[in-house]
Protein backbone atom coordinates (compact mmCIF):
# COMPACT_ATOMS: atom_id res chain seq x y z
CA UNK A 1 0.00 0.00 0.00
CA UNK A 2 2.73 2.47 0.96
CA UNK A 3 4.56 1.70 -2.30
CA UNK A 4 1.47 2.64 -4.35
CA UNK A 5 1.17 5.92 -2.45
CA UNK A 6 4.82 6.69 -3.14
CA UNK A 7 4.36 5.96 -6.85
CA UNK A 8 1.37 8.33 -6.91
CA UNK A 9 3.43 10.98 -5.09
CA UNK A 10 6.23 10.60 -7.63
CA UNK A 11 3.80 11.03 -10.55
CA UNK A 12 2.29 14.13 -8.93
CA UNK A 13 5.76 15.51 -8.24
CA UNK A 14 6.83 14.94 -11.86
CA UNK A 15 3.77 16.89 -13.05
CA UNK A 16 4.53 19.77 -10.67
CA UNK A 17 8.15 19.87 -11.87
CA UNK A 18 7.00 20.01 -15.51
CA UNK A 19 4.54 22.80 -14.62
CA UNK A 20 7.28 24.75 -12.80
CA UNK A 21 5.39 24.66 -9.50
CA UNK A 22 8.27 23.55 -7.29
CA UNK A 23 10.72 25.31 -5.01
CA UNK A 24 14.15 23.72 -4.66
CA UNK A 25 16.63 24.22 -1.85
CA UNK A 26 16.79 24.51 1.91
CA UNK A 27 16.73 28.31 2.23
CA UNK A 28 13.84 28.87 -0.20
CA UNK A 29 11.76 25.99 1.16
CA UNK A 30 12.18 27.07 4.79
CA UNK A 31 11.34 30.69 3.92
CA UNK A 32 8.18 29.72 2.01
CA UNK A 33 7.24 27.16 4.68
CA UNK A 34 7.33 29.83 7.39
CA UNK A 35 5.15 32.02 5.14
CA UNK A 36 2.64 29.14 4.84
CA UNK A 37 2.99 29.20 1.05
CA UNK A 38 3.71 25.51 0.42
CA UNK A 39 1.42 22.63 -0.45
CA UNK A 40 3.75 19.68 0.22
CA UNK A 41 7.43 19.12 1.02
CA UNK A 42 9.57 16.29 -0.35
CA UNK A 43 12.77 15.10 1.35
CA UNK A 44 15.54 12.97 -0.17
CA UNK A 45 16.27 9.74 1.69
CA UNK A 46 19.67 11.08 2.78
CA UNK A 47 18.49 14.56 3.72
CA UNK A 48 20.65 15.85 6.63
CA UNK A 49 19.10 15.16 10.06
CA UNK A 50 19.23 18.82 11.13
CA UNK A 51 17.40 19.97 7.99
CA UNK A 52 14.90 17.11 8.31
CA UNK A 53 14.07 18.10 11.91
CA UNK A 54 13.80 21.83 11.05
CA UNK A 55 11.39 21.09 8.23
CA UNK A 56 9.37 18.64 10.34
CA UNK A 57 9.08 21.26 13.09
CA UNK A 58 7.88 24.12 10.87
CA UNK A 59 5.68 21.84 8.76
CA UNK A 60 3.90 20.67 11.90
CA UNK A 61 3.33 24.26 13.00
CA UNK A 62 1.73 25.31 9.71
CA UNK A 63 0.09 21.98 8.84
CA UNK A 64 2.07 21.18 5.67
CA UNK A 65 2.56 17.54 4.65
CA UNK A 66 6.10 16.15 4.45
CA UNK A 67 6.88 13.18 2.17
CA UNK A 68 10.08 11.19 2.57
CA UNK A 69 11.15 9.80 -0.79
CA UNK A 70 13.10 6.61 -1.55
CA UNK A 71 15.47 8.66 -3.73
CA UNK A 72 18.75 10.01 -2.38
CA UNK A 73 19.76 13.61 -3.11
CA UNK A 74 21.67 12.66 -6.27
CA UNK A 75 18.74 10.63 -7.65
CA UNK A 76 16.31 13.42 -6.76
CA UNK A 77 18.47 15.90 -8.68
CA UNK A 78 18.36 13.62 -11.73
CA UNK A 79 14.60 13.10 -11.30
CA UNK A 80 14.14 16.89 -11.41
CA UNK A 81 16.49 17.11 -14.42
CA UNK A 82 18.94 19.35 -12.57
CA UNK A 83 22.72 19.05 -12.64
CA UNK A 84 23.02 19.30 -8.85
CA UNK A 85 21.96 17.31 -5.79
CA UNK A 86 18.60 18.11 -4.18
CA UNK A 87 17.93 17.28 -0.52
CA UNK A 88 14.60 19.11 -0.25
CA UNK A 89 11.98 20.53 -2.57
CA UNK A 90 8.38 21.63 -2.20
CA UNK A 91 5.29 22.18 -4.32
CA UNK A 92 3.52 25.53 -4.30
CA UNK A 93 0.06 24.43 -5.48
């Protein structure tokens, strides 16, 4: 069951990336999270513990869902078609 949900999340994320409705990077995501402007946050499997706990804390305060992906930061970068590693990204709609 959890695997099906993750596949659905990945399809939704791919659509958001194609529609340019994602924010990439720790600083931008935390800033928008504090402003309550995010729909959902995605974390790479090897996202640093400190960043993971910061995001979990603020997401809980504003009621934003956090999804932990099976992709590491290198794979997430490739998934987003970027030439850099991505530990965290978020959707805006």
